[in-house]
């Protein structure tokens, strides 16, 4: 019997957050009660159960409070695991967390279910993950949007250079606005969402410098990733005050921002995955953070017997893990062409996108 996590955390050990911001239908079976939902999927091409012959046979993820159907971050993780299941035959599953108090309980359930690799979605799951890892050394744990100052041997962190895709999104916003007024809506304040905000603002500043004008950027945090009504209210206020392009990095809360853009017939920039399908006439582009790429990469490595714990992994523009969505029907052709040139400058290291306010101030002073 595996050891389960204590009901109350005794604190995270030696960790440093870089902190973080998933609708997918499953053909698996659902079970669970209350606010917690479990879904399992394990099939081969013929639809029957598949025997796994790798180093791991069961992998799962625990969502943050945005839920698996956030059309964004959590969904991308789950889609990555579904691809791993398709490629290797491992059994994959998820548990939704409706509130942070469920993280420990969900971790216990997934450990008792025999999962050998458990993904925690976002920095808010990190404390529960560390607690579980200390008590269950035979299980490997990964935390997305979190980096450890010293990762235990059975734990790893994954971060993304979201400031790079956000810089490109800001440049597109700056080149597209006709009111010289754009906006940013964040979920919860954290180092990870800082990267989205300040990378975006730097891209807007770059466009403004190129155009020879000042572009105002409104910024507000909803302090939640799971309140679309609040996201809509914040966006409506920004649109009513003159902003005509808003970038959101707010998970489920951002769905309200997109809805506001549709109703106001303004531009919105999606996040984490291509969100154009949510509002084809209003989503200007999306700042991609391909969490599924990291999930597939590291899960497959563990399946193949590689040791992946005890370190941090960073994914960015150079390896295709961040960037803008491929579709660009709503972006002016010249703007898109210039944006792709700018992307190459970022890849080459000729431009370094800022990830926080201090870096942003230094960057802007150099323009």
Protein backbone atom coordinates (compact mmCIF):
# COMPACT_ATOMS: atom_id res chain seq x y z
CA UNK A 1 0.00 0.00 0.00
CA UNK A 2 1.51 3.34 -0.99
CA UNK A 3 1.77 6.06 1.56
CA UNK A 4 -0.83 8.78 1.09
CA UNK A 5 -0.41 12.49 1.51
CA UNK A 6 -1.21 14.09 4.84
CA UNK A 7 -4.40 16.12 4.89
CA UNK A 8 -2.54 19.31 5.65
CA UNK A 9 0.66 20.38 3.91
CA UNK A 10 3.77 20.88 5.98
CA UNK A 11 5.16 23.22 3.34
CA UNK A 12 7.02 22.93 0.08
CA UNK A 13 10.68 21.96 0.19
CA UNK A 14 13.28 24.14 -1.53
CA UNK A 15 11.17 25.28 -4.43
CA UNK A 16 10.93 28.41 -6.50
CA UNK A 17 7.91 29.17 -8.64
CA UNK A 18 8.00 30.53 -12.11
CA UNK A 19 4.24 29.91 -11.80
CA UNK A 20 1.24 29.20 -14.48
CA UNK A 21 -1.91 29.58 -16.77
CA UNK A 22 -7.16 22.80 -21.08
CA UNK A 23 -12.23 20.87 -23.91
CA UNK A 24 -11.51 17.51 -24.84
CA UNK A 25 -13.92 14.65 -25.16
CA UNK A 26 -12.74 11.24 -24.05
CA UNK A 27 -13.86 7.84 -25.25
CA UNK A 28 -12.87 6.44 -21.88
CA UNK A 29 -15.13 5.85 -18.93
CA UNK A 30 -15.90 8.45 -16.30
CA UNK A 31 -16.20 7.91 -12.59
CA UNK A 32 -16.09 9.99 -9.47
CA UNK A 33 -18.38 12.04 -7.27
CA UNK A 34 -18.86 15.56 -6.07
CA UNK A 35 -16.57 18.11 -7.68
CA UNK A 36 -13.92 15.60 -8.68
CA UNK A 37 -14.07 13.85 -12.04
CA UNK A 38 -11.86 10.98 -13.16
CA UNK A 39 -11.48 9.89 -16.76
CA UNK A 40 -9.38 6.99 -17.96
CA UNK A 41 -8.37 6.10 -21.49
CA UNK A 42 -6.43 3.05 -22.69
CA UNK A 43 -7.13 1.59 -26.14
CA UNK A 44 -5.35 0.31 -29.19
CA UNK A 45 -6.40 0.91 -32.80
CA UNK A 46 -8.94 -1.92 -32.66
CA UNK A 47 -10.53 -0.43 -29.57
CA UNK A 48 -9.41 -3.17 -27.20
CA UNK A 49 -7.19 -2.91 -24.15
CA UNK A 50 -3.52 -2.69 -25.00
CA UNK A 51 -0.70 -4.30 -23.04
CA UNK A 52 2.09 -1.87 -22.21
CA UNK A 53 5.68 -3.09 -22.44
CA UNK A 54 7.47 0.13 -21.51
CA UNK A 55 8.93 1.35 -18.22
CA UNK A 56 5.60 2.95 -17.27
CA UNK A 57 2.04 1.72 -17.83
CA UNK A 58 -0.13 4.34 -16.09
CA UNK A 59 0.20 8.12 -16.38
CA UNK A 60 -2.22 10.75 -15.13
CA UNK A 61 -2.68 14.48 -14.69
CA UNK A 62 -4.30 16.56 -11.98
CA UNK A 63 -5.79 19.82 -13.22
CA UNK A 64 -5.67 23.17 -11.55
CA UNK A 65 -8.96 24.92 -10.80
CA UNK A 66 -9.42 25.89 -14.45
CA UNK A 67 -10.64 22.36 -15.15
CA UNK A 68 -10.04 20.03 -18.07
CA UNK A 69 -12.46 21.94 -20.33
CA UNK A 70 -10.76 25.33 -20.08
CA UNK A 71 -10.10 25.38 -23.85
CA UNK A 72 -6.53 26.18 -22.90
CA UNK A 73 -3.80 24.99 -20.54
CA UNK A 74 -5.38 21.93 -18.91
CA UNK A 75 -6.89 20.74 -22.16
CA UNK A 76 -3.49 20.86 -23.83
CA UNK A 77 -1.99 18.65 -21.11
CA UNK A 78 -4.79 16.10 -21.48
CA UNK A 79 -4.47 16.06 -25.26
CA UNK A 80 -0.76 15.40 -24.84
CA UNK A 81 -1.47 12.42 -22.61
CA UNK A 82 -4.05 11.10 -25.04
CA UNK A 83 -1.40 11.20 -27.77
CA UNK A 84 1.03 9.35 -25.49
CA UNK A 85 -1.63 6.69 -24.94
CA UNK A 86 -2.16 6.37 -28.69
CA UNK A 87 1.56 6.12 -29.36
CA UNK A 88 2.55 3.75 -26.55
CA UNK A 89 -0.60 2.09 -25.22
CA UNK A 90 -0.16 3.42 -21.67
CA UNK A 91 -3.30 4.02 -19.63
CA UNK A 92 -3.89 7.75 -19.09
CA UNK A 93 -6.34 9.55 -16.85
CA UNK A 94 -7.10 12.86 -15.19
CA UNK A 95 -8.72 14.24 -12.08
CA UNK A 96 -10.30 17.68 -12.10
CA UNK A 97 -9.73 19.99 -9.16
CA UNK A 98 -12.55 22.43 -8.61
CA UNK A 99 -10.75 24.09 -5.72
CA UNK A 100 -7.21 24.05 -4.34
CA UNK A 101 -8.25 22.04 -1.28
CA UNK A 102 -8.78 19.03 -3.58
CA UNK A 103 -5.17 18.84 -4.76
CA UNK A 104 -3.96 16.62 -1.92
CA UNK A 105 -6.97 14.30 -2.09
CA UNK A 106 -6.63 13.97 -5.85
CA UNK A 107 -2.92 13.24 -5.51
CA UNK A 108 -3.73 10.47 -3.01
CA UNK A 109 -6.26 8.94 -5.40
CA UNK A 110 -3.89 8.91 -8.33
CA UNK A 111 -1.10 7.37 -6.24
CA UNK A 112 -3.41 4.66 -4.91
CA UNK A 113 -4.57 3.96 -8.47
CA UNK A 114 -1.03 2.89 -9.33
CA UNK A 115 0.06 5.74 -11.59
CA UNK A 116 3.80 5.77 -12.09
CA UNK A 117 3.97 9.29 -13.55
CA UNK A 118 1.74 12.07 -12.24
CA UNK A 119 1.56 15.49 -13.91
CA UNK A 120 0.50 18.47 -11.80
CA UNK A 121 -0.95 21.28 -13.91
CA UNK A 122 0.42 24.60 -12.76
CA UNK A 123 2.29 26.09 -9.86
CA UNK A 124 -0.75 25.89 -7.57
CA UNK A 125 -0.43 22.07 -7.54
CA UNK A 126 3.26 22.18 -6.64
CA UNK A 127 2.98 21.99 -2.83
CA UNK A 128 0.73 18.92 -2.97
CA UNK A 129 3.08 17.37 -5.52
CA UNK A 130 6.16 17.85 -3.36
CA UNK A 131 4.38 16.43 -0.32
CA UNK A 132 3.30 13.37 -2.29
CA UNK A 133 6.76 12.93 -3.80
CA UNK A 134 8.44 12.85 -0.39
CA UNK A 135 6.16 10.01 0.72
CA UNK A 136 6.15 8.03 -2.54
CA UNK A 137 9.67 7.74 -3.88
CA UNK A 138 8.66 5.06 -6.40
CA UNK A 139 6.38 7.50 -8.25
CA UNK A 140 7.64 10.24 -10.58
CA UNK A 141 5.96 13.64 -10.48
CA UNK A 142 6.10 16.54 -12.94
CA UNK A 143 4.89 20.07 -12.35
CA UNK A 144 4.11 22.34 -15.27
CA UNK A 145 4.96 26.04 -14.99
CA UNK A 146 7.15 25.46 -11.97
CA UNK A 147 10.92 25.23 -11.58
CA UNK A 148 12.71 23.85 -8.53
CA UNK A 149 15.80 25.35 -6.95
CA UNK A 150 16.68 21.74 -6.13
CA UNK A 151 14.38 19.07 -7.57
CA UNK A 152 14.08 15.76 -5.68
CA UNK A 153 15.13 12.72 -7.71
CA UNK A 154 11.52 11.72 -8.43
CA UNK A 155 10.31 15.21 -9.33
CA UNK A 156 10.87 17.50 -12.31
CA UNK A 157 9.69 20.97 -13.28
CA UNK A 158 8.70 22.25 -16.71
CA UNK A 159 8.65 25.90 -17.76
CA UNK A 160 8.07 27.67 -21.05
CA UNK A 161 9.49 30.88 -22.49
CA UNK A 162 6.01 32.34 -22.81
CA UNK A 163 7.50 35.83 -23.05
CA UNK A 164 8.67 34.98 -26.59
CA UNK A 165 5.24 34.14 -28.02
CA UNK A 166 3.74 36.99 -26.02
CA UNK A 167 6.28 39.43 -27.52
CA UNK A 168 5.10 38.41 -30.99
CA UNK A 169 1.46 38.74 -29.89
CA UNK A 170 2.18 42.23 -28.57
CA UNK A 171 3.84 43.21 -31.82
CA UNK A 172 0.79 42.04 -33.79
CA UNK A 173 -1.49 43.95 -31.40
CA UNK A 174 0.61 47.11 -31.73
CA UNK A 175 0.63 46.91 -35.51
CA UNK A 176 -3.13 46.17 -35.67
CA UNK A 177 -4.68 48.64 -33.21
CA UNK A 178 -6.41 51.65 -34.77
CA UNK A 179 -7.02 53.36 -31.43
CA UNK A 180 -3.42 53.09 -30.16
CA UNK A 181 -4.92 51.42 -27.10
CA UNK A 182 -4.67 47.71 -26.26
CA UNK A 183 -5.18 45.55 -23.19
CA UNK A 184 -3.96 42.54 -21.20
CA UNK A 185 -6.06 40.34 -18.90
CA UNK A 186 -4.20 37.93 -16.60
CA UNK A 187 -5.47 35.13 -14.42
CA UNK A 188 -3.61 35.01 -11.11
CA UNK A 189 -0.50 37.07 -10.54
CA UNK A 190 2.59 34.86 -10.76
CA UNK A 191 6.02 34.71 -12.35
CA UNK A 192 4.62 32.72 -15.30
CA UNK A 193 1.82 35.16 -16.04
CA UNK A 194 4.33 37.97 -15.61
CA UNK A 195 6.15 36.49 -18.60
CA UNK A 196 2.98 36.76 -20.67
CA UNK A 197 2.26 40.32 -19.54
CA UNK A 198 5.72 41.85 -19.88
CA UNK A 199 6.58 39.97 -23.04
CA UNK A 200 3.34 41.28 -24.56
CA UNK A 201 3.97 44.84 -23.40
CA UNK A 202 7.49 44.71 -24.85
CA UNK A 203 6.12 43.58 -28.21
CA UNK A 204 3.64 46.46 -28.17
CA UNK A 205 6.47 48.87 -27.33
CA UNK A 206 8.57 47.48 -30.19
CA UNK A 207 5.68 48.07 -32.61
CA UNK A 208 5.13 51.57 -31.23
CA UNK A 209 8.80 52.43 -31.68
CA UNK A 210 8.68 51.12 -35.25
CA UNK A 211 5.55 53.16 -35.98
CA UNK A 212 6.81 56.25 -34.15
CA UNK A 213 3.96 56.47 -31.66
CA UNK A 214 2.93 55.64 -28.10
CA UNK A 215 0.47 52.77 -27.63
CA UNK A 216 -1.38 52.55 -24.32
CA UNK A 217 -1.58 49.14 -22.64
CA UNK A 218 -4.23 48.52 -19.97
CA UNK A 219 -3.50 45.58 -17.66
CA UNK A 220 -5.68 43.84 -15.08
CA UNK A 221 -5.66 40.52 -13.24
CA UNK A 222 -8.84 38.57 -12.45
CA UNK A 223 -7.09 36.64 -9.64
CA UNK A 224 -8.68 33.44 -10.93
CA UNK A 225 -8.37 31.12 -13.89
CA UNK A 226 -11.93 29.84 -13.58
CA UNK A 227 -14.35 32.80 -13.75
CA UNK A 228 -15.37 33.59 -17.33
CA UNK A 229 -17.94 36.16 -16.14
CA UNK A 230 -15.19 38.16 -14.42
CA UNK A 231 -12.98 37.93 -17.49
CA UNK A 232 -15.84 39.24 -19.62
CA UNK A 233 -16.50 42.14 -17.26
CA UNK A 234 -12.83 43.18 -17.26
CA UNK A 235 -12.64 42.98 -21.04
CA UNK A 236 -15.86 44.94 -21.52
CA UNK A 237 -14.45 47.72 -19.37
CA UNK A 238 -11.26 47.82 -21.45
CA UNK A 239 -13.12 47.80 -24.76
CA UNK A 240 -15.44 50.55 -23.53
CA UNK A 241 -12.43 52.65 -22.53
CA UNK A 242 -10.97 52.51 -26.04
CA UNK A 243 -8.91 49.33 -26.30
CA UNK A 244 -9.50 47.49 -29.56
CA UNK A 245 -7.16 44.51 -29.01
CA UNK A 246 -6.94 42.48 -25.77
CA UNK A 247 -4.55 39.63 -25.03
CA UNK A 248 -5.62 37.23 -22.30
CA UNK A 249 -3.51 34.78 -20.30
CA UNK A 250 -6.26 33.65 -17.99
CA UNK A 251 -7.30 30.06 -18.73
CA UNK A 252 -11.05 29.59 -18.27
CA UNK A 253 -11.41 33.22 -17.22
CA UNK A 254 -10.14 34.16 -20.65
CA UNK A 255 -13.15 32.54 -22.29
CA UNK A 256 -15.12 35.52 -21.02
CA UNK A 257 -12.62 37.87 -22.65
CA UNK A 258 -13.21 36.13 -25.96
CA UNK A 259 -16.98 36.36 -25.49
CA UNK A 260 -16.68 40.08 -24.81
CA UNK A 261 -14.66 40.51 -28.01
CA UNK A 262 -17.39 38.76 -30.01
CA UNK A 263 -20.12 40.94 -28.56
CA UNK A 264 -18.15 44.18 -28.99
CA UNK A 265 -16.79 43.09 -32.40
CA UNK A 266 -13.25 43.83 -31.25
CA UNK A 267 -9.99 41.90 -31.49
CA UNK A 268 -8.81 39.37 -28.91
CA UNK A 269 -5.62 37.34 -28.78
CA UNK A 270 -5.92 33.79 -27.46
CA UNK A 271 -3.45 31.87 -25.34
CA UNK A 272 -1.84 28.44 -24.90
CA UNK A 273 -3.56 26.89 -27.94
CA UNK A 274 -5.11 28.18 -31.15
CA UNK A 275 -8.39 29.64 -29.89
CA UNK A 276 -9.60 30.95 -33.26
CA UNK A 277 -12.39 28.37 -33.34
CA UNK A 278 -14.00 30.09 -30.36
CA UNK A 279 -14.50 33.35 -32.30
CA UNK A 280 -13.23 33.06 -35.89
CA UNK A 281 -14.01 36.70 -36.72
CA UNK A 282 -12.49 38.16 -33.57
CA UNK A 283 -9.46 36.10 -32.56
CA UNK A 284 -6.60 38.00 -34.15
CA UNK A 285 -4.07 35.29 -33.32
CA UNK A 286 -3.11 33.12 -30.34
CA UNK A 287 0.11 33.02 -28.32
CA UNK A 288 0.81 29.32 -28.30
CA UNK A 289 2.27 27.50 -25.34
CA UNK A 290 2.35 23.93 -26.54
CA UNK A 291 2.22 22.20 -23.18
CA UNK A 292 1.30 18.99 -24.99
CA UNK A 293 4.75 18.99 -26.62
CA UNK A 294 6.48 18.80 -23.23
CA UNK A 295 3.99 16.25 -21.91
CA UNK A 296 4.51 13.97 -24.91
CA UNK A 297 8.29 14.42 -24.89
CA UNK A 298 8.89 13.69 -21.22
CA UNK A 299 6.20 11.02 -20.81
CA UNK A 300 7.61 9.14 -23.80
CA UNK A 301 11.13 9.43 -22.43
CA UNK A 302 10.02 7.85 -19.16
CA UNK A 303 8.13 5.15 -21.08
CA UNK A 304 11.39 4.37 -22.87
CA UNK A 305 13.19 3.98 -19.57
CA UNK A 306 14.92 7.33 -19.25
CA UNK A 307 15.35 8.98 -15.86
CA UNK A 308 13.55 12.32 -16.08
CA UNK A 309 13.36 13.33 -12.42
CA UNK A 310 15.67 15.55 -10.45
CA UNK A 311 15.85 18.46 -12.89
CA UNK A 312 14.00 21.26 -14.65
CA UNK A 313 13.14 21.49 -18.34
CA UNK A 314 12.57 24.68 -20.34
CA UNK A 315 10.83 24.85 -23.71
CA UNK A 316 10.70 27.86 -26.03
CA UNK A 317 10.48 29.35 -29.49
CA UNK A 318 13.66 27.66 -30.72
CA UNK A 319 12.19 24.16 -30.26
CA UNK A 320 8.69 25.04 -31.44
CA UNK A 321 7.07 24.87 -28.03
CA UNK A 322 5.89 28.50 -28.10
CA UNK A 323 4.99 30.83 -30.94
CA UNK A 324 1.94 32.17 -32.73
CA UNK A 325 -0.89 30.06 -34.11
CA UNK A 326 -0.38 28.97 -37.71
CA UNK A 327 -3.58 30.52 -39.05
CA UNK A 328 -3.26 34.23 -39.78
CA UNK A 329 -6.38 35.09 -41.79
CA UNK A 330 -7.15 38.01 -39.47
CA UNK A 331 -3.64 39.51 -39.55
CA UNK A 332 -2.68 41.93 -42.30
CA UNK A 333 -0.28 40.19 -44.71
CA UNK A 334 2.47 42.80 -44.24
CA UNK A 335 2.10 42.67 -40.48
CA UNK A 336 2.35 38.88 -40.54
CA UNK A 337 5.42 39.01 -42.78
CA UNK A 338 7.12 41.46 -40.42
CA UNK A 339 6.12 39.35 -37.42
CA UNK A 340 7.77 36.26 -38.91
CA UNK A 341 10.96 38.27 -39.46
CA UNK A 342 10.80 39.34 -35.84
CA UNK A 343 10.33 35.72 -34.82
CA UNK A 344 13.59 34.83 -36.53
CA UNK A 345 15.34 37.63 -34.63
CA UNK A 346 14.05 36.15 -31.36
CA UNK A 347 15.15 32.65 -32.34
CA UNK A 348 18.60 33.91 -33.23
CA UNK A 349 18.93 35.67 -29.88
CA UNK A 350 19.20 39.12 -31.45
CA UNK A 351 16.19 40.17 -29.38
CA UNK A 352 15.59 38.96 -25.84
CA UNK A 353 11.96 39.16 -24.75
CA UNK A 354 11.57 40.31 -21.13
CA UNK A 355 9.87 38.01 -18.62
CA UNK A 356 9.27 40.48 -15.77
CA UNK A 357 8.91 44.17 -15.06
CA UNK A 358 12.58 44.77 -14.34
CA UNK A 359 13.64 43.17 -17.62
CA UNK A 360 10.89 45.09 -19.41
CA UNK A 361 12.09 48.44 -18.10
CA UNK A 362 15.63 47.63 -19.19
CA UNK A 363 14.42 46.49 -22.58
CA UNK A 364 12.27 49.59 -23.22
CA UNK A 365 15.09 51.92 -22.23
CA UNK A 366 17.22 50.29 -24.94
CA UNK A 367 14.70 50.90 -27.74
